[in-house]
Amino acid sequence: MCTYITVTTDVDGSAKGPGGKWFRVNDAAAYYDHPVHAMAEHTLNVDLTDPSAGPGRRIALELTAGSAQRLIDAIQQALDAAPDELKAG
């Protein structure tokens, strides 16, 4: 395993899991490593979890570096466009 760094943070949100069921997520981890499924040598991996509900409460993303950067840019643009009064928390 060659994870360079794993960055974790608290989050407050929801994710849709297998079977289309929504669940709360309150932990996020991001790390750059070999993917499990994506067809790339290395990917930015993002896990969104609810640890209190067990390992099945997890959404995992494996994105190429370019895709991850485009997602970061898209998120920033969406946040910048939203009115400040709607961005509480």
N, C-alpha and C. Protein backbone atom coordinates (compact mmCIF):
# COMPACT_ATOMS: atom_id res chain seq x y z
N MET A 1 0.85 -1.18 0.00
CA MET A 1 0.00 0.00 0.00
C MET A 1 0.89 1.23 0.00
N CYS A 2 0.60 2.19 -0.87
CA CYS A 2 1.47 3.35 -0.96
C CYS A 2 0.69 4.64 -0.78
N THR A 3 -0.24 4.66 0.14
CA THR A 3 -0.97 5.89 0.41
C THR A 3 0.01 6.96 0.84
N TYR A 4 -0.08 8.09 0.19
CA TYR A 4 0.83 9.18 0.48
C TYR A 4 0.41 9.90 1.75
N ILE A 5 -0.86 10.19 1.87
CA ILE A 5 -1.43 10.79 3.07
C ILE A 5 -2.93 10.53 3.02
N THR A 6 -3.49 10.27 4.16
CA THR A 6 -4.94 10.16 4.27
C THR A 6 -5.43 11.35 5.07
N VAL A 7 -6.33 12.10 4.47
CA VAL A 7 -6.89 13.28 5.11
C VAL A 7 -8.33 12.95 5.49
N THR A 8 -8.65 13.13 6.75
CA THR A 8 -10.01 12.87 7.21
C THR A 8 -10.63 14.15 7.73
N THR A 9 -11.95 14.20 7.65
CA THR A 9 -12.69 15.36 8.15
C THR A 9 -14.10 14.94 8.52
N ASP A 10 -14.70 15.71 9.40
CA ASP A 10 -16.11 15.52 9.71
C ASP A 10 -16.93 16.16 8.59
N VAL A 11 -18.02 15.53 8.23
CA VAL A 11 -18.95 16.09 7.26
C VAL A 11 -20.35 15.95 7.80
N ASP A 12 -21.28 16.66 7.22
CA ASP A 12 -22.68 16.60 7.62
C ASP A 12 -23.50 16.50 6.36
N GLY A 13 -24.00 15.30 6.05
CA GLY A 13 -24.76 15.14 4.83
C GLY A 13 -25.38 13.77 4.72
N SER A 14 -25.79 13.44 3.52
CA SER A 14 -26.43 12.16 3.21
C SER A 14 -25.85 11.60 1.94
N ALA A 15 -25.93 10.28 1.81
CA ALA A 15 -25.46 9.60 0.60
C ALA A 15 -26.46 8.51 0.25
N LYS A 16 -26.56 8.21 -1.03
CA LYS A 16 -27.45 7.14 -1.48
C LYS A 16 -26.59 5.91 -1.71
N GLY A 17 -26.93 4.83 -1.04
CA GLY A 17 -26.15 3.61 -1.11
C GLY A 17 -26.80 2.56 -1.98
N PRO A 18 -26.30 1.34 -1.87
CA PRO A 18 -26.86 0.22 -2.63
C PRO A 18 -28.36 0.08 -2.38
N GLY A 19 -29.07 -0.24 -3.42
CA GLY A 19 -30.52 -0.39 -3.30
C GLY A 19 -31.26 0.94 -3.27
N GLY A 20 -30.55 2.03 -3.48
CA GLY A 20 -31.19 3.34 -3.54
C GLY A 20 -31.59 3.90 -2.19
N LYS A 21 -31.05 3.35 -1.10
CA LYS A 21 -31.40 3.83 0.23
C LYS A 21 -30.44 4.93 0.67
N TRP A 22 -31.02 5.99 1.21
CA TRP A 22 -30.25 7.11 1.72
C TRP A 22 -29.78 6.81 3.13
N PHE A 23 -28.60 7.31 3.48
CA PHE A 23 -28.12 7.23 4.85
C PHE A 23 -27.27 8.45 5.16
N ARG A 24 -27.16 8.73 6.42
CA ARG A 24 -26.39 9.88 6.88
C ARG A 24 -24.89 9.58 6.77
N VAL A 25 -24.12 10.58 6.38
CA VAL A 25 -22.66 10.45 6.40
C VAL A 25 -22.11 11.55 7.30
N ASN A 26 -21.12 11.17 8.11
CA ASN A 26 -20.53 12.16 9.00
C ASN A 26 -19.01 12.08 9.03
N ASP A 27 -18.42 11.20 8.27
CA ASP A 27 -16.96 11.11 8.14
C ASP A 27 -16.59 11.06 6.67
N ALA A 28 -15.48 11.71 6.34
CA ALA A 28 -14.94 11.64 4.98
C ALA A 28 -13.44 11.42 5.06
N ALA A 29 -12.93 10.63 4.13
CA ALA A 29 -11.49 10.39 4.03
C ALA A 29 -11.10 10.53 2.55
N ALA A 30 -9.97 11.17 2.31
CA ALA A 30 -9.44 11.31 0.96
C ALA A 30 -7.98 10.87 0.98
N TYR A 31 -7.61 10.08 -0.02
CA TYR A 31 -6.23 9.60 -0.11
C TYR A 31 -5.92 9.23 -1.55
N TYR A 32 -4.64 9.32 -1.92
CA TYR A 32 -4.19 9.01 -3.26
C TYR A 32 -3.47 7.67 -3.21
N ASP A 33 -3.97 6.68 -3.95
CA ASP A 33 -3.42 5.32 -3.82
C ASP A 33 -3.84 4.50 -5.04
N HIS A 34 -3.48 3.24 -5.03
CA HIS A 34 -3.93 2.31 -6.06
C HIS A 34 -5.44 2.10 -5.89
N PRO A 35 -6.20 2.12 -6.99
CA PRO A 35 -7.63 1.88 -6.88
C PRO A 35 -7.94 0.39 -6.74
N VAL A 36 -9.12 0.11 -6.29
CA VAL A 36 -9.63 -1.26 -6.23
C VAL A 36 -10.28 -1.62 -7.56
N HIS A 37 -11.02 -0.68 -8.15
CA HIS A 37 -11.82 -0.99 -9.32
C HIS A 37 -11.49 -0.14 -10.55
N ALA A 38 -11.20 1.14 -10.35
CA ALA A 38 -10.95 2.04 -11.49
C ALA A 38 -9.76 1.55 -12.31
N MET A 39 -9.83 1.79 -13.60
CA MET A 39 -8.76 1.37 -14.50
C MET A 39 -7.70 2.47 -14.61
N ALA A 40 -6.93 2.63 -13.55
CA ALA A 40 -5.85 3.61 -13.51
C ALA A 40 -4.79 3.10 -12.54
N GLU A 41 -3.58 3.58 -12.70
CA GLU A 41 -2.49 3.16 -11.82
C GLU A 41 -2.69 3.68 -10.40
N HIS A 42 -3.10 4.95 -10.28
CA HIS A 42 -3.39 5.58 -9.00
C HIS A 42 -4.64 6.43 -9.16
N THR A 43 -5.37 6.60 -8.08
CA THR A 43 -6.56 7.45 -8.10
C THR A 43 -6.67 8.20 -6.78
N LEU A 44 -7.42 9.29 -6.82
CA LEU A 44 -7.81 9.94 -5.59
C LEU A 44 -9.04 9.18 -5.10
N ASN A 45 -8.95 8.64 -3.92
CA ASN A 45 -10.03 7.84 -3.37
C ASN A 45 -10.71 8.64 -2.27
N VAL A 46 -12.03 8.67 -2.31
CA VAL A 46 -12.82 9.39 -1.33
C VAL A 46 -13.83 8.41 -0.75
N ASP A 47 -13.85 8.31 0.57
CA ASP A 47 -14.82 7.47 1.28
C ASP A 47 -15.70 8.37 2.13
N LEU A 48 -17.01 8.22 1.99
CA LEU A 48 -17.98 8.90 2.84
C LEU A 48 -18.66 7.83 3.67
N THR A 49 -18.64 7.98 4.99
CA THR A 49 -19.12 6.90 5.86
C THR A 49 -19.95 7.41 7.03
N ASP A 50 -20.65 6.46 7.62
CA ASP A 50 -21.29 6.61 8.93
C ASP A 50 -20.75 5.47 9.77
N PRO A 51 -19.63 5.68 10.47
CA PRO A 51 -18.99 4.59 11.21
C PRO A 51 -19.89 3.91 12.23
N SER A 52 -20.87 4.63 12.77
CA SER A 52 -21.73 4.03 13.78
C SER A 52 -22.65 2.96 13.20
N ALA A 53 -22.81 2.94 11.88
CA ALA A 53 -23.70 1.99 11.23
C ALA A 53 -22.97 0.80 10.62
N GLY A 54 -21.67 0.70 10.82
CA GLY A 54 -20.91 -0.43 10.30
C GLY A 54 -20.32 -0.17 8.93
N PRO A 55 -19.53 -1.13 8.45
CA PRO A 55 -18.79 -0.93 7.20
C PRO A 55 -19.68 -0.87 5.95
N GLY A 56 -20.92 -1.31 6.03
CA GLY A 56 -21.81 -1.24 4.88
C GLY A 56 -22.30 0.15 4.57
N ARG A 57 -22.13 1.07 5.48
CA ARG A 57 -22.56 2.46 5.29
C ARG A 57 -21.40 3.26 4.75
N ARG A 58 -21.09 3.02 3.49
CA ARG A 58 -19.92 3.64 2.88
C ARG A 58 -20.20 3.90 1.41
N ILE A 59 -19.79 5.06 0.97
CA ILE A 59 -19.78 5.39 -0.45
C ILE A 59 -18.31 5.62 -0.80
N ALA A 60 -17.82 4.95 -1.82
CA ALA A 60 -16.42 5.07 -2.21
C ALA A 60 -16.32 5.61 -3.63
N LEU A 61 -15.42 6.55 -3.83
CA LEU A 61 -15.12 7.09 -5.16
C LEU A 61 -13.66 6.84 -5.47
N GLU A 62 -13.37 6.48 -6.70
CA GLU A 62 -12.00 6.38 -7.20
C GLU A 62 -11.93 7.22 -8.47
N LEU A 63 -11.22 8.34 -8.40
CA LEU A 63 -11.16 9.29 -9.50
C LEU A 63 -9.73 9.51 -9.95
N THR A 64 -9.52 9.58 -11.26
CA THR A 64 -8.20 9.97 -11.73
C THR A 64 -7.90 11.38 -11.22
N ALA A 65 -6.64 11.73 -11.19
CA ALA A 65 -6.25 13.06 -10.69
C ALA A 65 -6.95 14.17 -11.47
N GLY A 66 -7.01 14.04 -12.78
CA GLY A 66 -7.69 15.06 -13.60
C GLY A 66 -9.17 15.15 -13.29
N SER A 67 -9.82 14.00 -13.14
CA SER A 67 -11.24 13.99 -12.80
C SER A 67 -11.48 14.59 -11.42
N ALA A 68 -10.61 14.27 -10.47
CA ALA A 68 -10.75 14.81 -9.12
C ALA A 68 -10.61 16.33 -9.15
N GLN A 69 -9.64 16.84 -9.90
CA GLN A 69 -9.46 18.29 -9.97
C GLN A 69 -10.67 18.96 -10.61
N ARG A 70 -11.24 18.35 -11.66
CA ARG A 70 -12.44 18.92 -12.29
C ARG A 70 -13.62 18.92 -11.31
N LEU A 71 -13.73 17.87 -10.51
CA LEU A 71 -14.79 17.82 -9.50
C LEU A 71 -14.58 18.91 -8.44
N ILE A 72 -13.36 19.08 -7.98
CA ILE A 72 -13.05 20.16 -7.03
C ILE A 72 -13.46 21.51 -7.62
N ASP A 73 -13.09 21.75 -8.88
CA ASP A 73 -13.43 23.01 -9.54
C ASP A 73 -14.95 23.19 -9.66
N ALA A 74 -15.66 22.13 -10.01
CA ALA A 74 -17.11 22.20 -10.14
C ALA A 74 -17.77 22.48 -8.79
N ILE A 75 -17.30 21.84 -7.74
CA ILE A 75 -17.83 22.09 -6.40
C ILE A 75 -17.59 23.55 -6.01
N GLN A 76 -16.39 24.05 -6.26
CA GLN A 76 -16.08 25.44 -5.92
C GLN A 76 -16.96 26.41 -6.69
N GLN A 77 -17.19 26.15 -7.98
CA GLN A 77 -18.05 27.01 -8.78
C GLN A 77 -19.48 27.00 -8.26
N ALA A 78 -19.98 25.81 -7.88
CA ALA A 78 -21.35 25.72 -7.35
C ALA A 78 -21.47 26.47 -6.03
N LEU A 79 -20.47 26.34 -5.15
CA LEU A 79 -20.51 27.06 -3.88
C LEU A 79 -20.40 28.57 -4.08
N ASP A 80 -19.54 28.98 -5.00
CA ASP A 80 -19.37 30.41 -5.28
C ASP A 80 -20.65 31.03 -5.82
N ALA A 81 -21.44 30.26 -6.55
CA ALA A 81 -22.67 30.77 -7.16
C ALA A 81 -23.84 30.84 -6.18
N ALA A 82 -23.77 30.09 -5.09
CA ALA A 82 -24.87 30.07 -4.12
C ALA A 82 -24.81 31.31 -3.24
N PRO A 83 -25.98 31.87 -2.90
CA PRO A 83 -26.02 33.04 -2.01
C PRO A 83 -25.44 32.69 -0.64
N ASP A 84 -24.71 33.62 -0.05
CA ASP A 84 -24.06 33.38 1.24
C ASP A 84 -25.05 32.97 2.32
N GLU A 85 -26.25 33.54 2.30
CA GLU A 85 -27.24 33.23 3.35
C GLU A 85 -27.74 31.79 3.28
N LEU A 86 -27.50 31.11 2.17
CA LEU A 86 -27.92 29.72 2.06
C LEU A 86 -26.80 28.74 2.44
N LYS A 87 -25.61 29.25 2.73
CA LYS A 87 -24.45 28.39 2.98
C LYS A 87 -24.11 28.29 4.46
N ALA A 88 -25.11 28.22 5.31
CA ALA A 88 -24.86 28.05 6.74
C ALA A 88 -24.36 26.64 7.02
N GLY A 89 -23.39 26.52 7.92
CA GLY A 89 -22.90 25.20 8.34
C GLY A 89 -21.90 24.70 7.40
